[in-house]
Amino acid sequence: MNNINLERLQKLWNHATKNANPNEASVAALKFTKMIAESGLKVHLYAGQSPATEEQIKAAIDKAYIQGQMEAKETYQRILERQKNEFYNEGYRDGQSNSYTKDDLNRAYNKGFAAGEREGSIEKAPTKDIQQAQPSNRLYSHTSTATGHLFFQNGTGTITINRGL
């Protein structure tokens, strides 16, 4: 492409399209078309607003990309929140359905206490028959020394009670 003088090209265009003298307009139009052909330029004709520049198109694409990323993050966050709430609600419902009231615990304690009274005494097992659970298998519980209750939740296995803790 030759070095093109865009100002001269613009002047020729204006002279060809806005000149009252048809002969001068024709000469300007001929010079304009020759200059375009020699320079290898492409001419696009349009009505109304000019088409977007390359920079405007790139900015619009970048803006749409960022907006898409934000919408994806927001959607993902909503999904995570909904799942977290579902897990919480499921656990809460399970806790409500599997829970024991104080009256349930008192009845079980009194039943066990009465059975112990009927037996008369508790016999200690020989030490060799008692096996201590491995640390990974221990079941931790909350004890209340005032009432002597042991509270276990969904636990099975060997129970070890250490005095003096």
N, C-alpha and C. Protein backbone atom coordinates (compact mmCIF):
# COMPACT_ATOMS: atom_id res chain seq x y z
N MET A 1 0.85 -1.16 0.00
CA MET A 1 0.00 0.00 0.00
C MET A 1 0.90 1.23 0.00
N ASN A 2 0.58 2.17 -0.89
CA ASN A 2 1.34 3.43 -0.96
C ASN A 2 0.99 4.30 0.22
N ASN A 3 1.88 5.25 0.50
CA ASN A 3 1.55 6.25 1.51
C ASN A 3 0.39 7.08 0.98
N ILE A 4 -0.65 7.13 1.74
CA ILE A 4 -1.86 7.83 1.29
C ILE A 4 -2.08 9.04 2.18
N ASN A 5 -2.45 10.11 1.57
CA ASN A 5 -2.75 11.33 2.30
C ASN A 5 -4.25 11.33 2.57
N LEU A 6 -4.62 10.95 3.78
CA LEU A 6 -6.06 10.83 4.11
C LEU A 6 -6.75 12.19 4.10
N GLU A 7 -6.01 13.23 4.46
CA GLU A 7 -6.64 14.57 4.42
C GLU A 7 -7.00 14.93 2.98
N ARG A 8 -6.08 14.66 2.03
CA ARG A 8 -6.36 14.95 0.62
C ARG A 8 -7.53 14.10 0.15
N LEU A 9 -7.57 12.84 0.57
CA LEU A 9 -8.68 11.95 0.18
C LEU A 9 -10.00 12.49 0.72
N GLN A 10 -10.02 12.97 1.95
CA GLN A 10 -11.24 13.52 2.55
C GLN A 10 -11.68 14.78 1.79
N LYS A 11 -10.70 15.63 1.41
CA LYS A 11 -11.04 16.85 0.66
C LYS A 11 -11.65 16.51 -0.70
N LEU A 12 -11.07 15.51 -1.38
CA LEU A 12 -11.63 15.09 -2.67
C LEU A 12 -13.05 14.57 -2.50
N TRP A 13 -13.29 13.78 -1.45
CA TRP A 13 -14.64 13.26 -1.19
C TRP A 13 -15.63 14.40 -0.95
N ASN A 14 -15.23 15.32 -0.10
CA ASN A 14 -16.12 16.45 0.18
C ASN A 14 -16.38 17.27 -1.09
N HIS A 15 -15.34 17.50 -1.90
CA HIS A 15 -15.48 18.28 -3.13
C HIS A 15 -16.40 17.55 -4.12
N ALA A 16 -16.27 16.22 -4.16
CA ALA A 16 -17.10 15.44 -5.09
C ALA A 16 -18.54 15.38 -4.65
N THR A 17 -18.82 15.39 -3.37
CA THR A 17 -20.20 15.20 -2.88
C THR A 17 -20.90 16.51 -2.51
N LYS A 18 -20.15 17.58 -2.29
CA LYS A 18 -20.79 18.81 -1.81
C LYS A 18 -20.54 20.00 -2.76
N ASN A 19 -20.09 19.77 -3.95
CA ASN A 19 -19.79 20.84 -4.88
C ASN A 19 -21.01 21.11 -5.75
N ALA A 20 -21.34 22.39 -5.90
CA ALA A 20 -22.50 22.78 -6.71
C ALA A 20 -22.20 22.64 -8.20
N ASN A 21 -20.94 22.72 -8.58
CA ASN A 21 -20.56 22.62 -9.99
C ASN A 21 -20.38 21.14 -10.33
N PRO A 22 -21.23 20.59 -11.22
CA PRO A 22 -21.16 19.16 -11.53
C PRO A 22 -19.84 18.76 -12.19
N ASN A 23 -19.23 19.64 -12.98
CA ASN A 23 -17.96 19.31 -13.62
C ASN A 23 -16.85 19.16 -12.58
N GLU A 24 -16.78 20.10 -11.65
CA GLU A 24 -15.76 20.03 -10.59
C GLU A 24 -16.00 18.81 -9.70
N ALA A 25 -17.26 18.50 -9.41
CA ALA A 25 -17.60 17.33 -8.59
C ALA A 25 -17.17 16.05 -9.31
N SER A 26 -17.37 16.00 -10.65
CA SER A 26 -16.98 14.81 -11.41
C SER A 26 -15.47 14.62 -11.42
N VAL A 27 -14.73 15.69 -11.57
CA VAL A 27 -13.27 15.60 -11.57
C VAL A 27 -12.78 15.15 -10.20
N ALA A 28 -13.36 15.70 -9.12
CA ALA A 28 -12.97 15.32 -7.76
C ALA A 28 -13.30 13.85 -7.50
N ALA A 29 -14.45 13.38 -7.97
CA ALA A 29 -14.85 11.98 -7.79
C ALA A 29 -13.90 11.06 -8.53
N LEU A 30 -13.50 11.45 -9.76
CA LEU A 30 -12.58 10.64 -10.53
C LEU A 30 -11.22 10.54 -9.83
N LYS A 31 -10.72 11.69 -9.34
CA LYS A 31 -9.44 11.69 -8.61
C LYS A 31 -9.55 10.84 -7.34
N PHE A 32 -10.69 10.93 -6.64
CA PHE A 32 -10.93 10.15 -5.41
C PHE A 32 -10.85 8.66 -5.71
N THR A 33 -11.55 8.19 -6.75
CA THR A 33 -11.56 6.76 -7.06
C THR A 33 -10.20 6.27 -7.52
N LYS A 34 -9.47 7.10 -8.29
CA LYS A 34 -8.12 6.70 -8.71
C LYS A 34 -7.20 6.58 -7.50
N MET A 35 -7.29 7.53 -6.59
CA MET A 35 -6.46 7.52 -5.38
C MET A 35 -6.75 6.27 -4.53
N ILE A 36 -8.01 5.90 -4.42
CA ILE A 36 -8.42 4.70 -3.67
C ILE A 36 -7.83 3.46 -4.35
N ALA A 37 -7.98 3.36 -5.66
CA ALA A 37 -7.51 2.20 -6.39
C ALA A 37 -6.00 2.06 -6.31
N GLU A 38 -5.28 3.16 -6.44
CA GLU A 38 -3.82 3.12 -6.39
C GLU A 38 -3.29 2.75 -5.02
N SER A 39 -4.00 3.16 -3.99
CA SER A 39 -3.50 2.92 -2.62
C SER A 39 -3.88 1.54 -2.09
N GLY A 40 -4.79 0.86 -2.73
CA GLY A 40 -5.22 -0.45 -2.25
C GLY A 40 -6.20 -0.39 -1.09
N LEU A 41 -6.76 0.77 -0.84
CA LEU A 41 -7.74 0.92 0.25
C LEU A 41 -9.06 0.27 -0.14
N LYS A 42 -9.83 -0.11 0.88
CA LYS A 42 -11.17 -0.61 0.67
C LYS A 42 -12.13 0.44 1.20
N VAL A 43 -13.19 0.66 0.47
CA VAL A 43 -14.17 1.67 0.86
C VAL A 43 -15.45 0.94 1.26
N HIS A 44 -15.96 1.27 2.42
CA HIS A 44 -17.23 0.71 2.89
C HIS A 44 -18.23 1.85 2.99
N LEU A 45 -19.36 1.66 2.35
CA LEU A 45 -20.41 2.66 2.41
C LEU A 45 -21.46 2.20 3.42
N TYR A 46 -21.92 3.12 4.22
CA TYR A 46 -22.95 2.80 5.20
C TYR A 46 -23.79 4.04 5.43
N ALA A 47 -25.00 3.80 5.90
CA ALA A 47 -25.89 4.90 6.22
C ALA A 47 -26.02 5.00 7.73
N GLY A 48 -26.12 6.18 8.25
CA GLY A 48 -26.29 6.36 9.69
C GLY A 48 -24.97 6.33 10.43
N GLN A 49 -25.02 5.76 11.61
CA GLN A 49 -23.85 5.73 12.49
C GLN A 49 -22.75 4.84 11.91
N SER A 50 -21.52 5.26 12.09
CA SER A 50 -20.40 4.49 11.56
C SER A 50 -20.25 3.18 12.32
N PRO A 51 -19.67 2.17 11.65
CA PRO A 51 -19.49 0.89 12.33
C PRO A 51 -18.47 1.02 13.47
N ALA A 52 -18.55 0.06 14.38
CA ALA A 52 -17.66 0.08 15.55
C ALA A 52 -16.21 -0.14 15.10
N THR A 53 -15.32 0.52 15.82
CA THR A 53 -13.90 0.34 15.54
C THR A 53 -13.43 -0.97 16.16
N GLU A 54 -12.23 -1.38 15.79
CA GLU A 54 -11.67 -2.61 16.35
C GLU A 54 -11.54 -2.51 17.87
N GLU A 55 -11.14 -1.33 18.34
CA GLU A 55 -11.01 -1.12 19.80
C GLU A 55 -12.36 -1.22 20.50
N GLN A 56 -13.41 -0.66 19.87
CA GLN A 56 -14.75 -0.73 20.47
C GLN A 56 -15.24 -2.17 20.51
N ILE A 57 -14.97 -2.92 19.46
CA ILE A 57 -15.39 -4.32 19.43
C ILE A 57 -14.66 -5.12 20.50
N LYS A 58 -13.35 -4.90 20.62
CA LYS A 58 -12.56 -5.61 21.64
C LYS A 58 -13.05 -5.26 23.04
N ALA A 59 -13.34 -3.98 23.29
CA ALA A 59 -13.84 -3.56 24.61
C ALA A 59 -15.19 -4.23 24.91
N ALA A 60 -16.06 -4.32 23.89
CA ALA A 60 -17.37 -4.96 24.10
C ALA A 60 -17.22 -6.45 24.41
N ILE A 61 -16.29 -7.10 23.71
CA ILE A 61 -16.05 -8.53 23.95
C ILE A 61 -15.49 -8.74 25.36
N ASP A 62 -14.52 -7.91 25.75
CA ASP A 62 -13.93 -8.01 27.10
C ASP A 62 -14.99 -7.80 28.18
N LYS A 63 -15.85 -6.81 27.96
CA LYS A 63 -16.92 -6.52 28.93
C LYS A 63 -17.88 -7.70 29.06
N ALA A 64 -18.26 -8.29 27.91
CA ALA A 64 -19.17 -9.43 27.93
C ALA A 64 -18.52 -10.64 28.60
N TYR A 65 -17.23 -10.83 28.37
CA TYR A 65 -16.49 -11.95 28.98
C TYR A 65 -16.47 -11.79 30.51
N ILE A 66 -16.14 -10.60 30.97
CA ILE A 66 -16.08 -10.35 32.42
C ILE A 66 -17.47 -10.52 33.04
N GLN A 67 -18.49 -10.01 32.35
CA GLN A 67 -19.86 -10.16 32.86
C GLN A 67 -20.25 -11.64 32.94
N GLY A 68 -19.86 -12.42 31.93
CA GLY A 68 -20.14 -13.87 31.95
C GLY A 68 -19.44 -14.56 33.11
N GLN A 69 -18.20 -14.17 33.37
CA GLN A 69 -17.47 -14.75 34.51
C GLN A 69 -18.17 -14.43 35.82
N MET A 70 -18.59 -13.18 35.99
CA MET A 70 -19.26 -12.77 37.24
C MET A 70 -20.58 -13.53 37.40
N GLU A 71 -21.35 -13.67 36.33
CA GLU A 71 -22.61 -14.40 36.41
C GLU A 71 -22.38 -15.87 36.76
N ALA A 72 -21.33 -16.47 36.19
CA ALA A 72 -21.01 -17.86 36.50
C ALA A 72 -20.63 -18.00 37.98
N LYS A 73 -19.83 -17.07 38.49
CA LYS A 73 -19.45 -17.11 39.91
C LYS A 73 -20.67 -16.96 40.81
N GLU A 74 -21.55 -16.01 40.46
CA GLU A 74 -22.76 -15.81 41.27
C GLU A 74 -23.66 -17.04 41.25
N THR A 75 -23.80 -17.65 40.08
CA THR A 75 -24.62 -18.86 39.97
C THR A 75 -24.02 -19.98 40.82
N TYR A 76 -22.70 -20.17 40.70
CA TYR A 76 -22.00 -21.20 41.48
C TYR A 76 -22.16 -20.95 42.98
N GLN A 77 -22.05 -19.69 43.41
CA GLN A 77 -22.21 -19.34 44.83
C GLN A 77 -23.62 -19.66 45.30
N ARG A 78 -24.63 -19.35 44.46
CA ARG A 78 -26.02 -19.66 44.84
C ARG A 78 -26.21 -21.16 44.99
N ILE A 79 -25.61 -21.94 44.08
CA ILE A 79 -25.73 -23.40 44.15
C ILE A 79 -25.08 -23.91 45.43
N LEU A 80 -23.88 -23.40 45.77
CA LEU A 80 -23.20 -23.83 47.00
C LEU A 80 -24.02 -23.48 48.24
N GLU A 81 -24.58 -22.27 48.27
CA GLU A 81 -25.40 -21.86 49.42
C GLU A 81 -26.62 -22.76 49.56
N ARG A 82 -27.26 -23.07 48.42
CA ARG A 82 -28.45 -23.93 48.47
C ARG A 82 -28.08 -25.32 48.98
N GLN A 83 -26.94 -25.88 48.50
CA GLN A 83 -26.51 -27.19 48.97
C GLN A 83 -26.17 -27.16 50.45
N LYS A 84 -25.48 -26.10 50.89
CA LYS A 84 -25.13 -25.98 52.31
C LYS A 84 -26.40 -25.93 53.16
N ASN A 85 -27.38 -25.16 52.71
CA ASN A 85 -28.64 -25.08 53.46
C ASN A 85 -29.38 -26.42 53.47
N GLU A 86 -29.33 -27.14 52.34
CA GLU A 86 -29.97 -28.46 52.30
C GLU A 86 -29.31 -29.42 53.28
N PHE A 87 -27.96 -29.42 53.33
CA PHE A 87 -27.24 -30.28 54.26
C PHE A 87 -27.57 -29.90 55.70
N TYR A 88 -27.60 -28.59 55.99
CA TYR A 88 -27.92 -28.14 57.34
C TYR A 88 -29.33 -28.59 57.72
N ASN A 89 -30.29 -28.36 56.82
CA ASN A 89 -31.67 -28.72 57.13
C ASN A 89 -31.83 -30.22 57.30
N GLU A 90 -31.13 -31.01 56.47
CA GLU A 90 -31.20 -32.46 56.60
C GLU A 90 -30.63 -32.89 57.95
N GLY A 91 -29.48 -32.32 58.32
CA GLY A 91 -28.88 -32.65 59.61
C GLY A 91 -29.77 -32.22 60.77
N TYR A 92 -30.38 -31.06 60.64
CA TYR A 92 -31.27 -30.57 61.69
C TYR A 92 -32.47 -31.50 61.85
N ARG A 93 -33.06 -31.91 60.71
CA ARG A 93 -34.21 -32.84 60.79
C ARG A 93 -33.80 -34.17 61.39
N ASP A 94 -32.60 -34.68 60.98
CA ASP A 94 -32.12 -35.93 61.55
C ASP A 94 -31.90 -35.78 63.06
N GLY A 95 -31.32 -34.67 63.45
CA GLY A 95 -31.08 -34.43 64.88
C GLY A 95 -32.38 -34.37 65.66
N GLN A 96 -33.39 -33.76 65.07
CA GLN A 96 -34.68 -33.69 65.75
C GLN A 96 -35.32 -35.07 65.86
N SER A 97 -35.19 -35.90 64.83
CA SER A 97 -35.84 -37.20 64.85
C SER A 97 -35.08 -38.21 65.70
N ASN A 98 -33.76 -38.04 65.89
CA ASN A 98 -32.95 -38.99 66.65
C ASN A 98 -32.63 -38.51 68.06
N SER A 99 -33.16 -37.41 68.47
CA SER A 99 -32.76 -36.85 69.76
C SER A 99 -33.56 -37.47 70.91
N TYR A 100 -32.98 -37.37 72.10
CA TYR A 100 -33.61 -37.88 73.31
C TYR A 100 -33.93 -36.70 74.22
N THR A 101 -35.07 -36.81 74.89
CA THR A 101 -35.43 -35.77 75.84
C THR A 101 -34.85 -36.12 77.20
N LYS A 102 -34.89 -35.17 78.11
CA LYS A 102 -34.41 -35.41 79.47
C LYS A 102 -35.26 -36.50 80.14
N ASP A 103 -36.54 -36.53 79.84
CA ASP A 103 -37.41 -37.57 80.39
C ASP A 103 -37.00 -38.96 79.89
N ASP A 104 -36.62 -39.05 78.58
CA ASP A 104 -36.14 -40.32 78.04
C ASP A 104 -34.90 -40.79 78.80
N LEU A 105 -33.97 -39.88 79.05
CA LEU A 105 -32.74 -40.24 79.77
C LEU A 105 -33.03 -40.64 81.22
N ASN A 106 -33.92 -39.91 81.86
CA ASN A 106 -34.27 -40.25 83.25
C ASN A 106 -34.94 -41.62 83.34
N ARG A 107 -35.83 -41.92 82.38
CA ARG A 107 -36.48 -43.24 82.39
C ARG A 107 -35.44 -44.34 82.23
N ALA A 108 -34.51 -44.16 81.27
CA ALA A 108 -33.48 -45.18 81.06
C ALA A 108 -32.58 -45.32 82.29
N TYR A 109 -32.23 -44.21 82.92
CA TYR A 109 -31.40 -44.25 84.12
C TYR A 109 -32.13 -44.99 85.24
N ASN A 110 -33.37 -44.62 85.44
CA ASN A 110 -34.15 -45.25 86.53
C ASN A 110 -34.35 -46.74 86.27
N LYS A 111 -34.55 -47.11 85.01
CA LYS A 111 -34.70 -48.52 84.67
C LYS A 111 -33.41 -49.28 84.98
N GLY A 112 -32.28 -48.71 84.59
CA GLY A 112 -30.99 -49.34 84.87
C GLY A 112 -30.69 -49.37 86.36
N PHE A 113 -30.99 -48.30 87.04
CA PHE A 113 -30.75 -48.24 88.48
C PHE A 113 -31.59 -49.30 89.20
N ALA A 114 -32.85 -49.44 88.79
CA ALA A 114 -33.73 -50.45 89.41
C ALA A 114 -33.20 -51.85 89.14
N ALA A 115 -32.70 -52.10 87.92
CA ALA A 115 -32.15 -53.42 87.60
C ALA A 115 -30.92 -53.70 88.46
N GLY A 116 -30.10 -52.69 88.66
CA GLY A 116 -28.93 -52.85 89.52
C GLY A 116 -29.31 -53.13 90.96
N GLU A 117 -30.33 -52.48 91.45
CA GLU A 117 -30.81 -52.71 92.81
C GLU A 117 -31.32 -54.14 92.97
N ARG A 118 -32.03 -54.64 91.95
CA ARG A 118 -32.54 -56.00 92.01
C ARG A 118 -31.40 -57.02 92.02
N GLU A 119 -30.34 -56.77 91.27
CA GLU A 119 -29.20 -57.70 91.22
C GLU A 119 -28.45 -57.70 92.55
N GLY A 120 -28.45 -56.60 93.21
CA GLY A 120 -27.81 -56.54 94.51
C GLY A 120 -26.38 -56.05 94.48
N SER A 121 -25.63 -56.36 93.45
CA SER A 121 -24.26 -55.89 93.39
C SER A 121 -23.76 -55.98 91.95
N ILE A 122 -22.66 -55.31 91.73
CA ILE A 122 -22.03 -55.36 90.42
C ILE A 122 -20.70 -56.05 90.58
N GLU A 123 -20.44 -57.06 89.78
CA GLU A 123 -19.20 -57.81 89.88
C GLU A 123 -18.21 -57.27 88.86
N LYS A 124 -16.99 -57.03 89.32
CA LYS A 124 -15.95 -56.49 88.45
C LYS A 124 -15.38 -57.62 87.60
N ALA A 125 -15.19 -57.34 86.27
CA ALA A 125 -14.62 -58.33 85.37
C ALA A 125 -13.12 -58.44 85.62
N PRO A 126 -12.56 -59.61 85.45
CA PRO A 126 -11.11 -59.76 85.59
C PRO A 126 -10.38 -58.85 84.59
N THR A 127 -9.23 -58.34 85.00
CA THR A 127 -8.49 -57.39 84.17
C THR A 127 -8.14 -57.96 82.81
N LYS A 128 -7.80 -59.24 82.74
CA LYS A 128 -7.43 -59.83 81.45
C LYS A 128 -8.59 -59.84 80.46
N ASP A 129 -9.83 -59.78 80.91
CA ASP A 129 -10.99 -59.76 80.02
C ASP A 129 -11.32 -58.36 79.49
N ILE A 130 -10.72 -57.35 80.09
CA ILE A 130 -11.01 -55.96 79.67
C ILE A 130 -9.96 -55.55 78.65
N GLN A 131 -10.42 -55.13 77.50
CA GLN A 131 -9.50 -54.65 76.46
C GLN A 131 -9.74 -53.17 76.26
N GLN A 132 -8.62 -52.45 76.25
CA GLN A 132 -8.72 -51.00 76.04
C GLN A 132 -8.84 -50.74 74.54
N ALA A 133 -9.74 -49.86 74.19
CA ALA A 133 -9.94 -49.50 72.78
C ALA A 133 -8.73 -48.72 72.27
N GLN A 134 -8.44 -48.87 70.99
CA GLN A 134 -7.37 -48.10 70.37
C GLN A 134 -7.79 -46.64 70.29
N PRO A 135 -6.83 -45.71 70.31
CA PRO A 135 -7.19 -44.28 70.28
C PRO A 135 -8.09 -43.89 69.11
N SER A 136 -7.92 -44.53 67.96
CA SER A 136 -8.75 -44.15 66.81
C SER A 136 -10.18 -44.66 66.97
N ASN A 137 -10.39 -45.62 67.87
CA ASN A 137 -11.73 -46.19 68.06
C ASN A 137 -12.42 -45.66 69.30
N ARG A 138 -11.80 -44.70 69.98
CA ARG A 138 -12.42 -44.22 71.22
C ARG A 138 -13.68 -43.44 70.94
N LEU A 139 -14.61 -43.60 71.85
CA LEU A 139 -15.86 -42.85 71.79
C LEU A 139 -15.82 -41.86 72.94
N TYR A 140 -15.89 -40.61 72.62
CA TYR A 140 -15.85 -39.58 73.64
C TYR A 140 -17.27 -39.21 74.01
N SER A 141 -17.46 -38.96 75.28
CA SER A 141 -18.81 -38.65 75.72
C SER A 141 -18.76 -37.51 76.72
N HIS A 142 -19.90 -36.96 76.96
CA HIS A 142 -20.06 -35.93 77.96
C HIS A 142 -20.64 -36.60 79.20
N THR A 143 -20.05 -36.36 80.35
CA THR A 143 -20.58 -36.98 81.57
C THR A 143 -21.03 -35.90 82.53
N SER A 144 -22.01 -36.24 83.29
CA SER A 144 -22.49 -35.35 84.33
C SER A 144 -22.30 -36.09 85.65
N THR A 145 -21.34 -35.65 86.48
CA THR A 145 -21.05 -36.35 87.72
C THR A 145 -22.15 -36.14 88.75
N ALA A 146 -22.94 -35.07 88.57
CA ALA A 146 -23.98 -34.80 89.54
C ALA A 146 -25.08 -35.86 89.47
N THR A 147 -25.40 -36.35 88.27
CA THR A 147 -26.48 -37.32 88.14
C THR A 147 -25.97 -38.71 87.79
N GLY A 148 -24.72 -38.80 87.32
CA GLY A 148 -24.19 -40.10 86.94
C GLY A 148 -24.61 -40.54 85.56
N HIS A 149 -25.16 -39.64 84.73
CA HIS A 149 -25.59 -40.01 83.39
C HIS A 149 -24.42 -39.98 82.41
N LEU A 150 -24.43 -40.90 81.47
CA LEU A 150 -23.51 -40.87 80.34
C LEU A 150 -24.35 -40.60 79.11
N PHE A 151 -23.94 -39.66 78.29
CA PHE A 151 -24.68 -39.32 77.08
C PHE A 151 -23.85 -39.77 75.88
N PHE A 152 -24.42 -40.65 75.07
CA PHE A 152 -23.74 -41.12 73.86
C PHE A 152 -24.61 -40.77 72.67
N GLN A 153 -23.96 -40.50 71.56
CA GLN A 153 -24.72 -40.15 70.37
C GLN A 153 -24.24 -41.01 69.21
N ASN A 154 -25.08 -41.91 68.76
CA ASN A 154 -24.80 -42.75 67.59
C ASN A 154 -23.47 -43.49 67.72
N GLY A 155 -23.12 -43.99 68.89
CA GLY A 155 -21.84 -44.65 69.08
C GLY A 155 -22.02 -46.11 69.45
N THR A 156 -21.08 -46.95 68.99
CA THR A 156 -21.08 -48.35 69.38
C THR A 156 -19.65 -48.73 69.66
N GLY A 157 -19.43 -49.78 70.40
CA GLY A 157 -18.08 -50.26 70.65
C GLY A 157 -17.77 -50.30 72.13
N THR A 158 -16.49 -50.41 72.45
CA THR A 158 -16.04 -50.53 73.83
C THR A 158 -16.11 -49.17 74.51
N ILE A 159 -16.57 -49.17 75.76
CA ILE A 159 -16.65 -47.93 76.54
C ILE A 159 -15.58 -48.00 77.61
N THR A 160 -14.74 -46.98 77.68
CA THR A 160 -13.71 -46.90 78.69
C THR A 160 -13.97 -45.69 79.56
N ILE A 161 -14.06 -45.88 80.86
CA ILE A 161 -14.28 -44.78 81.78
C ILE A 161 -13.02 -44.64 82.62
N ASN A 162 -12.39 -43.50 82.54
CA ASN A 162 -11.18 -43.23 83.32
C ASN A 162 -11.54 -42.31 84.47
N ARG A 163 -11.25 -42.75 85.66
CA ARG A 163 -11.52 -41.91 86.84
C ARG A 163 -10.37 -40.92 87.01
N GLY A 164 -10.69 -39.78 87.58
CA GLY A 164 -9.67 -38.79 87.89
C GLY A 164 -9.38 -37.86 86.72
N LEU A 165 -10.17 -37.89 85.65
CA LEU A 165 -9.93 -36.98 84.54
C LEU A 165 -10.66 -35.69 84.73
